[in-house]
Amino acid sequence: MRYSKRAPIFIVDSEQAMTFTEKLDQNINDWCLSPEEKDATAYQAAWNERINTSHHLLNNQKIYFFSGLYASEQIRFYVYKINDETPAGMMITSCFYEGYLTIERLVTHPGSMGCGGALIEEAVRYSEMQGYHGVVKLIAVDDKAALCYLALGFKEEKEEEEDEVLLLKLDPNTNEHWEKNKEK
């Protein structure tokens, strides 16, 4: 699966990641439709739900920054920028587990297209570089997000102690949606 030849994805340090988190959150909030609730169309309600989910994830991400949970050399921050200063999406990965890369956070602007897929492709590339053969795992934030990940080739994985959590795994080596890029 290939979303772009050269996606504008940049690896940033934690300070830059915090700045881009703030910018992405503000940009997303600027796109919120604000009709009176009783008059909201189904489209407006669904759009605002996507905005609220992204806003919630970014606020949660800020808490992680402030509490120092992202202060590890095993953590890597990615920003998908549409220009020098405007983020359209962010991803945080970790290498804490043997055999796969974990996508800790993946947040995209609801108005973006292909941004999430390009960030996942970047995670697969980094997983390959780390010796994990491109394998990545993540926890879907909700059923709607899970459907998007399943469409990208992720498969559900059962976790015995975490029945409420939807853990998904992507192994591009055994997945018909993905093929290894032969370019170096």
N, C-alpha and C. Protein backbone atom coordinates (compact mmCIF):
# COMPACT_ATOMS: atom_id res chain seq x y z
N MET A 1 0.86 -1.16 0.00
CA MET A 1 0.00 0.00 0.00
C MET A 1 0.91 1.23 0.00
N ARG A 2 0.59 2.20 -0.80
CA ARG A 2 1.43 3.39 -0.91
C ARG A 2 0.53 4.60 -0.98
N TYR A 3 0.67 5.51 -0.06
CA TYR A 3 -0.19 6.69 -0.03
C TYR A 3 0.44 7.89 -0.72
N SER A 4 1.73 7.96 -0.71
CA SER A 4 2.39 9.07 -1.39
C SER A 4 3.82 8.67 -1.67
N LYS A 5 4.37 9.23 -2.75
CA LYS A 5 5.75 8.91 -3.08
C LYS A 5 6.69 9.45 -2.01
N ARG A 6 6.50 10.68 -1.61
CA ARG A 6 7.33 11.29 -0.59
C ARG A 6 6.45 12.08 0.36
N ALA A 7 5.90 11.41 1.32
CA ALA A 7 5.02 12.07 2.28
C ALA A 7 5.84 13.07 3.11
N PRO A 8 5.26 14.22 3.42
CA PRO A 8 5.98 15.24 4.20
C PRO A 8 5.96 14.92 5.69
N ILE A 9 6.59 13.81 6.04
CA ILE A 9 6.63 13.35 7.43
C ILE A 9 8.02 13.63 7.99
N PHE A 10 8.04 14.24 9.16
CA PHE A 10 9.29 14.63 9.79
C PHE A 10 9.37 14.06 11.19
N ILE A 11 10.56 13.62 11.57
CA ILE A 11 10.81 13.17 12.93
C ILE A 11 11.23 14.41 13.72
N VAL A 12 10.59 14.63 14.86
CA VAL A 12 10.87 15.81 15.67
C VAL A 12 11.19 15.39 17.10
N ASP A 13 11.80 16.32 17.86
CA ASP A 13 12.07 16.02 19.26
C ASP A 13 10.82 16.30 20.09
N SER A 14 10.88 15.99 21.38
CA SER A 14 9.69 16.10 22.22
C SER A 14 9.20 17.54 22.35
N GLU A 15 10.11 18.50 22.39
CA GLU A 15 9.70 19.91 22.49
C GLU A 15 8.95 20.35 21.22
N GLN A 16 9.49 19.99 20.08
CA GLN A 16 8.81 20.31 18.82
C GLN A 16 7.47 19.57 18.73
N ALA A 17 7.45 18.32 19.19
CA ALA A 17 6.20 17.54 19.16
C ALA A 17 5.12 18.21 20.00
N MET A 18 5.50 18.75 21.14
CA MET A 18 4.52 19.45 21.98
C MET A 18 3.99 20.69 21.26
N THR A 19 4.88 21.44 20.61
CA THR A 19 4.47 22.62 19.85
C THR A 19 3.50 22.23 18.73
N PHE A 20 3.83 21.17 17.99
CA PHE A 20 2.95 20.73 16.91
C PHE A 20 1.64 20.15 17.44
N THR A 21 1.66 19.56 18.62
CA THR A 21 0.43 19.08 19.24
C THR A 21 -0.52 20.25 19.48
N GLU A 22 0.02 21.34 20.03
CA GLU A 22 -0.78 22.55 20.27
C GLU A 22 -1.33 23.12 18.96
N LYS A 23 -0.48 23.19 17.94
CA LYS A 23 -0.90 23.74 16.65
C LYS A 23 -1.99 22.88 16.00
N LEU A 24 -1.80 21.57 16.03
CA LEU A 24 -2.79 20.68 15.44
C LEU A 24 -4.12 20.79 16.18
N ASP A 25 -4.06 20.85 17.50
CA ASP A 25 -5.28 20.97 18.29
C ASP A 25 -6.02 22.27 17.96
N GLN A 26 -5.30 23.37 17.86
CA GLN A 26 -5.93 24.65 17.53
C GLN A 26 -6.54 24.61 16.13
N ASN A 27 -5.79 24.06 15.18
CA ASN A 27 -6.27 23.98 13.81
C ASN A 27 -7.55 23.13 13.74
N ILE A 28 -7.56 22.02 14.44
CA ILE A 28 -8.74 21.15 14.45
C ILE A 28 -9.93 21.88 15.07
N ASN A 29 -9.70 22.57 16.18
CA ASN A 29 -10.79 23.30 16.83
C ASN A 29 -11.37 24.38 15.92
N ASP A 30 -10.52 24.98 15.09
CA ASP A 30 -10.99 26.01 14.16
C ASP A 30 -11.95 25.44 13.11
N TRP A 31 -11.92 24.14 12.89
CA TRP A 31 -12.78 23.51 11.89
C TRP A 31 -14.11 23.02 12.46
N CYS A 32 -14.31 23.20 13.75
CA CYS A 32 -15.53 22.71 14.39
C CYS A 32 -16.75 23.47 13.89
N LEU A 33 -17.77 22.74 13.50
CA LEU A 33 -19.04 23.35 13.09
C LEU A 33 -19.85 23.64 14.35
N SER A 34 -20.39 24.82 14.45
CA SER A 34 -21.05 25.15 15.70
C SER A 34 -22.51 25.59 15.55
N PRO A 35 -23.35 24.71 15.02
CA PRO A 35 -24.78 25.03 15.01
C PRO A 35 -25.37 24.77 16.39
N GLU A 36 -26.56 25.27 16.62
CA GLU A 36 -27.23 24.92 17.87
C GLU A 36 -27.47 23.42 17.84
N GLU A 37 -27.25 22.77 18.97
CA GLU A 37 -27.33 21.31 19.00
C GLU A 37 -28.65 20.76 18.47
N LYS A 38 -29.75 21.40 18.79
CA LYS A 38 -31.04 20.87 18.35
C LYS A 38 -31.22 20.95 16.83
N ASP A 39 -30.44 21.84 16.18
CA ASP A 39 -30.55 22.01 14.73
C ASP A 39 -29.43 21.32 13.94
N ALA A 40 -28.56 20.64 14.63
CA ALA A 40 -27.41 20.02 13.96
C ALA A 40 -27.87 18.92 13.01
N THR A 41 -27.35 18.95 11.81
CA THR A 41 -27.64 17.88 10.86
C THR A 41 -26.82 16.66 11.25
N ALA A 42 -27.14 15.52 10.68
CA ALA A 42 -26.38 14.30 10.96
C ALA A 42 -24.93 14.49 10.54
N TYR A 43 -24.72 15.17 9.41
CA TYR A 43 -23.35 15.42 8.93
C TYR A 43 -22.59 16.28 9.93
N GLN A 44 -23.21 17.37 10.41
CA GLN A 44 -22.55 18.25 11.36
C GLN A 44 -22.24 17.52 12.67
N ALA A 45 -23.17 16.72 13.11
CA ALA A 45 -22.96 15.97 14.35
C ALA A 45 -21.81 14.97 14.19
N ALA A 46 -21.76 14.27 13.06
CA ALA A 46 -20.68 13.31 12.81
C ALA A 46 -19.34 14.03 12.68
N TRP A 47 -19.34 15.16 11.98
CA TRP A 47 -18.10 15.94 11.83
C TRP A 47 -17.59 16.40 13.19
N ASN A 48 -18.48 16.96 14.00
CA ASN A 48 -18.07 17.43 15.32
C ASN A 48 -17.62 16.29 16.22
N GLU A 49 -18.20 15.11 16.03
CA GLU A 49 -17.75 13.94 16.79
C GLU A 49 -16.30 13.60 16.44
N ARG A 50 -15.96 13.68 15.16
CA ARG A 50 -14.57 13.44 14.74
C ARG A 50 -13.64 14.50 15.33
N ILE A 51 -14.10 15.76 15.31
CA ILE A 51 -13.32 16.86 15.90
C ILE A 51 -13.09 16.59 17.38
N ASN A 52 -14.15 16.22 18.09
CA ASN A 52 -14.05 15.98 19.53
C ASN A 52 -13.13 14.80 19.85
N THR A 53 -13.17 13.75 19.04
CA THR A 53 -12.28 12.61 19.26
C THR A 53 -10.83 13.04 19.09
N SER A 54 -10.53 13.77 18.02
CA SER A 54 -9.16 14.24 17.80
C SER A 54 -8.72 15.17 18.93
N HIS A 55 -9.60 16.07 19.33
CA HIS A 55 -9.31 17.01 20.41
C HIS A 55 -9.01 16.25 21.70
N HIS A 56 -9.82 15.24 22.01
CA HIS A 56 -9.62 14.43 23.21
C HIS A 56 -8.25 13.72 23.16
N LEU A 57 -7.91 13.13 22.02
CA LEU A 57 -6.63 12.44 21.89
C LEU A 57 -5.46 13.40 22.07
N LEU A 58 -5.57 14.59 21.50
CA LEU A 58 -4.50 15.58 21.63
C LEU A 58 -4.38 16.09 23.07
N ASN A 59 -5.49 16.29 23.75
CA ASN A 59 -5.44 16.70 25.15
C ASN A 59 -4.79 15.62 26.00
N ASN A 60 -5.14 14.37 25.73
CA ASN A 60 -4.53 13.25 26.42
C ASN A 60 -3.03 13.22 26.15
N GLN A 61 -2.65 13.49 24.91
CA GLN A 61 -1.24 13.52 24.52
C GLN A 61 -0.50 14.61 25.31
N LYS A 62 -1.13 15.76 25.49
CA LYS A 62 -0.51 16.86 26.25
C LYS A 62 -0.25 16.42 27.69
N ILE A 63 -1.20 15.70 28.28
CA ILE A 63 -1.03 15.21 29.65
C ILE A 63 0.19 14.29 29.71
N TYR A 64 0.35 13.42 28.72
CA TYR A 64 1.50 12.53 28.67
C TYR A 64 2.79 13.31 28.60
N PHE A 65 2.81 14.38 27.80
CA PHE A 65 4.01 15.21 27.71
C PHE A 65 4.34 15.83 29.07
N PHE A 66 3.35 16.45 29.69
CA PHE A 66 3.57 17.15 30.95
C PHE A 66 3.94 16.21 32.09
N SER A 67 3.46 14.98 32.05
CA SER A 67 3.78 14.02 33.12
C SER A 67 5.09 13.29 32.87
N GLY A 68 5.72 13.52 31.72
CA GLY A 68 7.01 12.90 31.43
C GLY A 68 6.92 11.49 30.89
N LEU A 69 5.73 11.03 30.53
CA LEU A 69 5.58 9.66 30.03
C LEU A 69 6.23 9.45 28.66
N TYR A 70 6.51 10.54 27.95
CA TYR A 70 7.15 10.42 26.65
C TYR A 70 8.65 10.71 26.73
N ALA A 71 9.19 10.73 27.94
CA ALA A 71 10.61 11.04 28.13
C ALA A 71 11.42 9.74 28.10
N SER A 72 11.59 9.19 26.93
CA SER A 72 12.34 7.95 26.76
C SER A 72 12.99 7.95 25.39
N GLU A 73 14.15 7.34 25.31
CA GLU A 73 14.81 7.22 24.01
C GLU A 73 14.10 6.22 23.11
N GLN A 74 13.20 5.43 23.68
CA GLN A 74 12.44 4.45 22.90
C GLN A 74 11.25 5.07 22.18
N ILE A 75 10.97 6.34 22.48
CA ILE A 75 9.83 7.05 21.90
C ILE A 75 10.30 7.87 20.71
N ARG A 76 9.50 7.87 19.66
CA ARG A 76 9.81 8.65 18.46
C ARG A 76 8.56 9.43 18.04
N PHE A 77 8.76 10.69 17.68
CA PHE A 77 7.66 11.59 17.32
C PHE A 77 7.71 11.91 15.83
N TYR A 78 6.56 11.80 15.17
CA TYR A 78 6.45 12.09 13.74
C TYR A 78 5.38 13.17 13.54
N VAL A 79 5.66 14.07 12.62
CA VAL A 79 4.67 15.09 12.25
C VAL A 79 4.51 15.07 10.75
N TYR A 80 3.27 15.01 10.30
CA TYR A 80 2.94 15.13 8.88
C TYR A 80 2.58 16.59 8.68
N LYS A 81 3.44 17.33 7.96
CA LYS A 81 3.23 18.77 7.79
C LYS A 81 2.81 19.08 6.36
N ILE A 82 1.82 19.97 6.23
CA ILE A 82 1.41 20.39 4.89
C ILE A 82 2.16 21.63 4.45
N ASN A 83 2.84 22.28 5.37
CA ASN A 83 3.83 23.31 5.07
C ASN A 83 4.76 23.37 6.27
N ASP A 84 5.64 24.32 6.33
CA ASP A 84 6.63 24.35 7.41
C ASP A 84 6.04 24.37 8.81
N GLU A 85 4.90 24.98 8.97
CA GLU A 85 4.36 25.17 10.31
C GLU A 85 2.98 24.56 10.57
N THR A 86 2.37 23.94 9.57
CA THR A 86 1.01 23.44 9.74
C THR A 86 0.96 21.91 9.75
N PRO A 87 0.74 21.32 10.93
CA PRO A 87 0.63 19.87 11.00
C PRO A 87 -0.76 19.39 10.58
N ALA A 88 -0.80 18.28 9.85
CA ALA A 88 -2.07 17.65 9.49
C ALA A 88 -2.26 16.36 10.28
N GLY A 89 -1.19 15.86 10.88
CA GLY A 89 -1.27 14.65 11.67
C GLY A 89 -0.01 14.42 12.47
N MET A 90 -0.14 13.59 13.49
CA MET A 90 1.01 13.25 14.34
C MET A 90 0.94 11.78 14.71
N MET A 91 2.12 11.23 14.96
CA MET A 91 2.19 9.84 15.40
C MET A 91 3.33 9.72 16.40
N ILE A 92 3.11 8.90 17.41
CA ILE A 92 4.15 8.61 18.40
C ILE A 92 4.32 7.10 18.42
N THR A 93 5.56 6.65 18.27
CA THR A 93 5.84 5.21 18.30
C THR A 93 6.79 4.88 19.45
N SER A 94 6.80 3.61 19.83
CA SER A 94 7.74 3.14 20.85
C SER A 94 8.28 1.77 20.48
N CYS A 95 9.45 1.49 21.01
CA CYS A 95 10.11 0.19 20.79
C CYS A 95 10.28 -0.53 22.13
N PHE A 96 9.25 -0.55 22.95
CA PHE A 96 9.35 -1.16 24.27
C PHE A 96 9.19 -2.68 24.26
N TYR A 97 8.59 -3.23 23.22
CA TYR A 97 8.28 -4.66 23.20
C TYR A 97 9.12 -5.38 22.15
N GLU A 98 9.36 -6.63 22.41
CA GLU A 98 10.14 -7.47 21.49
C GLU A 98 9.27 -7.90 20.32
N GLY A 99 9.77 -7.72 19.11
CA GLY A 99 9.11 -8.27 17.93
C GLY A 99 8.19 -7.35 17.16
N TYR A 100 7.91 -6.16 17.69
CA TYR A 100 7.04 -5.24 16.96
C TYR A 100 7.21 -3.81 17.47
N LEU A 101 6.84 -2.88 16.63
CA LEU A 101 6.81 -1.47 16.97
C LEU A 101 5.38 -1.13 17.41
N THR A 102 5.25 -0.31 18.43
CA THR A 102 3.93 0.09 18.90
C THR A 102 3.64 1.52 18.44
N ILE A 103 2.48 1.72 17.85
CA ILE A 103 2.01 3.08 17.58
C ILE A 103 1.24 3.49 18.83
N GLU A 104 1.85 4.37 19.61
CA GLU A 104 1.26 4.82 20.87
C GLU A 104 0.12 5.81 20.63
N ARG A 105 0.31 6.69 19.66
CA ARG A 105 -0.69 7.71 19.33
C ARG A 105 -0.66 7.95 17.84
N LEU A 106 -1.83 8.13 17.28
CA LEU A 106 -1.97 8.51 15.88
C LEU A 106 -3.18 9.43 15.80
N VAL A 107 -2.94 10.70 15.51
CA VAL A 107 -4.01 11.69 15.44
C VAL A 107 -3.86 12.43 14.12
N THR A 108 -4.94 12.50 13.36
CA THR A 108 -4.92 13.26 12.11
C THR A 108 -6.04 14.28 12.11
N HIS A 109 -5.84 15.31 11.34
CA HIS A 109 -6.88 16.32 11.17
C HIS A 109 -8.05 15.66 10.44
N PRO A 110 -9.27 15.82 10.92
CA PRO A 110 -10.41 15.19 10.24
C PRO A 110 -10.58 15.63 8.79
N GLY A 111 -10.03 16.77 8.42
CA GLY A 111 -10.13 17.24 7.04
C GLY A 111 -9.04 16.72 6.13
N SER A 112 -8.11 15.95 6.68
CA SER A 112 -7.00 15.43 5.86
C SER A 112 -7.40 14.12 5.20
N MET A 113 -6.73 13.81 4.10
CA MET A 113 -6.96 12.54 3.40
C MET A 113 -5.61 11.88 3.15
N GLY A 114 -5.48 10.62 3.56
CA GLY A 114 -4.26 9.87 3.33
C GLY A 114 -3.18 10.10 4.36
N CYS A 115 -3.38 11.03 5.26
CA CYS A 115 -2.37 11.36 6.26
C CYS A 115 -2.13 10.17 7.21
N GLY A 116 -3.19 9.57 7.72
CA GLY A 116 -3.05 8.43 8.62
C GLY A 116 -2.37 7.25 7.96
N GLY A 117 -2.75 6.96 6.72
CA GLY A 117 -2.12 5.86 5.99
C GLY A 117 -0.64 6.11 5.76
N ALA A 118 -0.28 7.36 5.44
CA ALA A 118 1.13 7.69 5.23
C ALA A 118 1.92 7.57 6.52
N LEU A 119 1.32 7.98 7.65
CA LEU A 119 2.01 7.84 8.94
C LEU A 119 2.20 6.37 9.30
N ILE A 120 1.19 5.55 9.04
CA ILE A 120 1.32 4.11 9.31
C ILE A 120 2.40 3.51 8.42
N GLU A 121 2.45 3.93 7.18
CA GLU A 121 3.51 3.46 6.27
C GLU A 121 4.89 3.81 6.83
N GLU A 122 5.01 4.99 7.40
CA GLU A 122 6.27 5.41 8.02
C GLU A 122 6.60 4.53 9.22
N ALA A 123 5.59 4.16 10.01
CA ALA A 123 5.79 3.27 11.15
C ALA A 123 6.27 1.90 10.68
N VAL A 124 5.70 1.40 9.59
CA VAL A 124 6.13 0.12 9.03
C VAL A 124 7.59 0.20 8.60
N ARG A 125 7.97 1.30 7.96
CA ARG A 125 9.37 1.50 7.55
C ARG A 125 10.31 1.48 8.75
N TYR A 126 9.92 2.21 9.80
CA TYR A 126 10.77 2.27 10.99
C TYR A 126 10.84 0.92 11.69
N SER A 127 9.72 0.20 11.72
CA SER A 127 9.70 -1.15 12.29
C SER A 127 10.69 -2.05 11.55
N GLU A 128 10.71 -1.93 10.25
CA GLU A 128 11.66 -2.70 9.43
C GLU A 128 13.10 -2.34 9.81
N MET A 129 13.37 -1.04 9.96
CA MET A 129 14.72 -0.58 10.32
C MET A 129 15.14 -1.10 11.70
N GLN A 130 14.18 -1.27 12.60
CA GLN A 130 14.47 -1.73 13.96
C GLN A 130 14.58 -3.26 14.05
N GLY A 131 14.40 -3.94 12.93
CA GLY A 131 14.51 -5.40 12.92
C GLY A 131 13.21 -6.12 13.26
N TYR A 132 12.09 -5.41 13.24
CA TYR A 132 10.79 -6.00 13.55
C TYR A 132 10.04 -6.45 12.29
N HIS A 133 10.69 -6.43 11.15
CA HIS A 133 10.12 -6.90 9.88
C HIS A 133 8.86 -6.15 9.46
N GLY A 134 8.75 -4.89 9.88
CA GLY A 134 7.60 -4.08 9.49
C GLY A 134 6.37 -4.25 10.36
N VAL A 135 6.42 -5.12 11.35
CA VAL A 135 5.26 -5.41 12.19
C VAL A 135 5.00 -4.24 13.15
N VAL A 136 3.74 -3.78 13.17
CA VAL A 136 3.34 -2.73 14.09
C VAL A 136 2.04 -3.13 14.78
N LYS A 137 1.86 -2.63 16.00
CA LYS A 137 0.62 -2.85 16.74
C LYS A 137 0.13 -1.51 17.27
N LEU A 138 -1.18 -1.45 17.47
CA LEU A 138 -1.79 -0.27 18.08
C LEU A 138 -3.10 -0.66 18.73
N ILE A 139 -3.61 0.23 19.55
CA ILE A 139 -4.92 0.05 20.16
C ILE A 139 -5.85 1.06 19.51
N ALA A 140 -6.93 0.58 18.93
CA ALA A 140 -7.90 1.47 18.29
C ALA A 140 -8.67 2.24 19.35
N VAL A 141 -8.83 3.53 19.11
CA VAL A 141 -9.50 4.40 20.08
C VAL A 141 -11.00 4.12 20.15
N ASP A 142 -11.58 3.68 19.04
CA ASP A 142 -13.00 3.34 19.02
C ASP A 142 -13.28 2.45 17.81
N ASP A 143 -14.53 2.03 17.67
CA ASP A 143 -14.89 1.11 16.58
C ASP A 143 -14.72 1.75 15.20
N LYS A 144 -14.98 3.05 15.10
CA LYS A 144 -14.82 3.72 13.80
C LYS A 144 -13.35 3.73 13.38
N ALA A 145 -12.47 4.02 14.33
CA ALA A 145 -11.04 3.99 14.03
C ALA A 145 -10.61 2.57 13.67
N ALA A 146 -11.15 1.59 14.38
CA ALA A 146 -10.80 0.19 14.11
C ALA A 146 -11.14 -0.18 12.67
N LEU A 147 -12.29 0.28 12.18
CA LEU A 147 -12.67 -0.02 10.80
C LEU A 147 -11.66 0.55 9.80
N CYS A 148 -11.16 1.74 10.08
CA CYS A 148 -10.13 2.34 9.21
C CYS A 148 -8.86 1.50 9.22
N TYR A 149 -8.44 1.08 10.41
CA TYR A 149 -7.22 0.28 10.51
C TYR A 149 -7.39 -1.08 9.85
N LEU A 150 -8.55 -1.69 10.02
CA LEU A 150 -8.81 -2.98 9.38
C LEU A 150 -8.76 -2.84 7.86
N ALA A 151 -9.24 -1.73 7.33
CA ALA A 151 -9.19 -1.48 5.88
C ALA A 151 -7.75 -1.32 5.39
N LEU A 152 -6.85 -0.91 6.29
CA LEU A 152 -5.43 -0.77 5.93
C LEU A 152 -4.66 -2.08 6.09
N GLY A 153 -5.34 -3.14 6.52
CA GLY A 153 -4.68 -4.43 6.62
C GLY A 153 -4.38 -4.90 8.03
N PHE A 154 -4.75 -4.14 9.04
CA PHE A 154 -4.55 -4.59 10.42
C PHE A 154 -5.49 -5.75 10.70
N LYS A 155 -5.08 -6.62 11.62
CA LYS A 155 -5.90 -7.75 12.07
C LYS A 155 -6.08 -7.63 13.58
N GLU A 156 -7.23 -8.08 14.04
CA GLU A 156 -7.51 -8.03 15.47
C GLU A 156 -6.68 -9.07 16.20
N GLU A 157 -6.16 -8.68 17.38
CA GLU A 157 -5.41 -9.58 18.23
C GLU A 157 -6.06 -9.59 19.60
N LYS A 158 -6.27 -10.75 20.14
CA LYS A 158 -6.92 -10.86 21.45
C LYS A 158 -5.88 -10.71 22.56
N GLU A 159 -6.23 -9.89 23.53
CA GLU A 159 -5.43 -9.74 24.74
C GLU A 159 -6.29 -10.24 25.89
N GLU A 160 -5.85 -11.28 26.56
CA GLU A 160 -6.67 -11.90 27.60
C GLU A 160 -7.00 -10.95 28.74
N GLU A 161 -6.01 -10.21 29.23
CA GLU A 161 -6.27 -9.35 30.38
C GLU A 161 -6.91 -8.02 30.01
N GLU A 162 -7.03 -7.73 28.74
CA GLU A 162 -7.59 -6.45 28.32
C GLU A 162 -8.74 -6.67 27.33
N ASP A 163 -9.81 -7.28 27.81
CA ASP A 163 -10.94 -7.61 26.93
C ASP A 163 -11.59 -6.38 26.31
N GLU A 164 -11.58 -5.25 27.00
CA GLU A 164 -12.24 -4.04 26.51
C GLU A 164 -11.41 -3.33 25.43
N VAL A 165 -10.16 -3.67 25.32
CA VAL A 165 -9.24 -2.99 24.41
C VAL A 165 -9.19 -3.71 23.07
N LEU A 166 -9.23 -2.95 21.99
CA LEU A 166 -9.13 -3.53 20.66
C LEU A 166 -7.69 -3.37 20.16
N LEU A 167 -6.89 -4.42 20.36
CA LEU A 167 -5.51 -4.43 19.93
C LEU A 167 -5.44 -4.93 18.50
N LEU A 168 -4.78 -4.17 17.65
CA LEU A 168 -4.67 -4.51 16.23
C LEU A 168 -3.21 -4.66 15.85
N LYS A 169 -2.95 -5.59 14.93
CA LYS A 169 -1.59 -5.87 14.48
C LYS A 169 -1.55 -5.82 12.96
N LEU A 170 -0.51 -5.19 12.45
CA LEU A 170 -0.27 -5.17 11.02
C LEU A 170 1.06 -5.88 10.76
N ASP A 171 1.00 -6.95 9.99
CA ASP A 171 2.20 -7.63 9.53
C ASP A 171 2.21 -7.52 8.01
N PRO A 172 2.95 -6.56 7.47
CA PRO A 172 2.92 -6.34 6.02
C PRO A 172 3.47 -7.51 5.21
N ASN A 173 4.20 -8.41 5.86
CA ASN A 173 4.78 -9.56 5.16
C ASN A 173 3.75 -10.63 4.83
N THR A 174 2.65 -10.64 5.55
CA THR A 174 1.62 -11.67 5.34
C THR A 174 0.29 -11.04 4.96
N ASN A 175 0.33 -9.83 4.47
CA ASN A 175 -0.89 -9.10 4.19
C ASN A 175 -0.98 -8.73 2.72
N GLU A 176 -2.10 -9.04 2.10
CA GLU A 176 -2.28 -8.79 0.67
C GLU A 176 -2.35 -7.30 0.33
N HIS A 177 -2.65 -6.45 1.31
CA HIS A 177 -2.74 -5.01 1.06
C HIS A 177 -1.38 -4.34 0.96
N TRP A 178 -0.35 -5.01 1.41
CA TRP A 178 0.97 -4.40 1.49
C TRP A 178 1.96 -5.17 0.63
N GLU A 179 2.88 -4.43 0.03
CA GLU A 179 4.00 -5.07 -0.65
C GLU A 179 5.25 -4.27 -0.36
N LYS A 180 6.34 -4.98 -0.23
CA LYS A 180 7.60 -4.35 0.12
C LYS A 180 8.09 -3.49 -1.04
N ASN A 181 8.50 -2.28 -0.71
CA ASN A 181 9.06 -1.37 -1.70
C ASN A 181 10.49 -1.81 -1.99
N LYS A 182 10.79 -2.05 -3.22
CA LYS A 182 12.12 -2.54 -3.60
C LYS A 182 13.14 -1.41 -3.72
N GLU A 183 12.66 -0.16 -3.67
CA GLU A 183 13.57 0.99 -3.75
C GLU A 183 14.37 1.09 -2.47
N LYS A 184 15.57 1.56 -2.59
CA LYS A 184 16.43 1.76 -1.42
C LYS A 184 16.39 3.20 -1.00
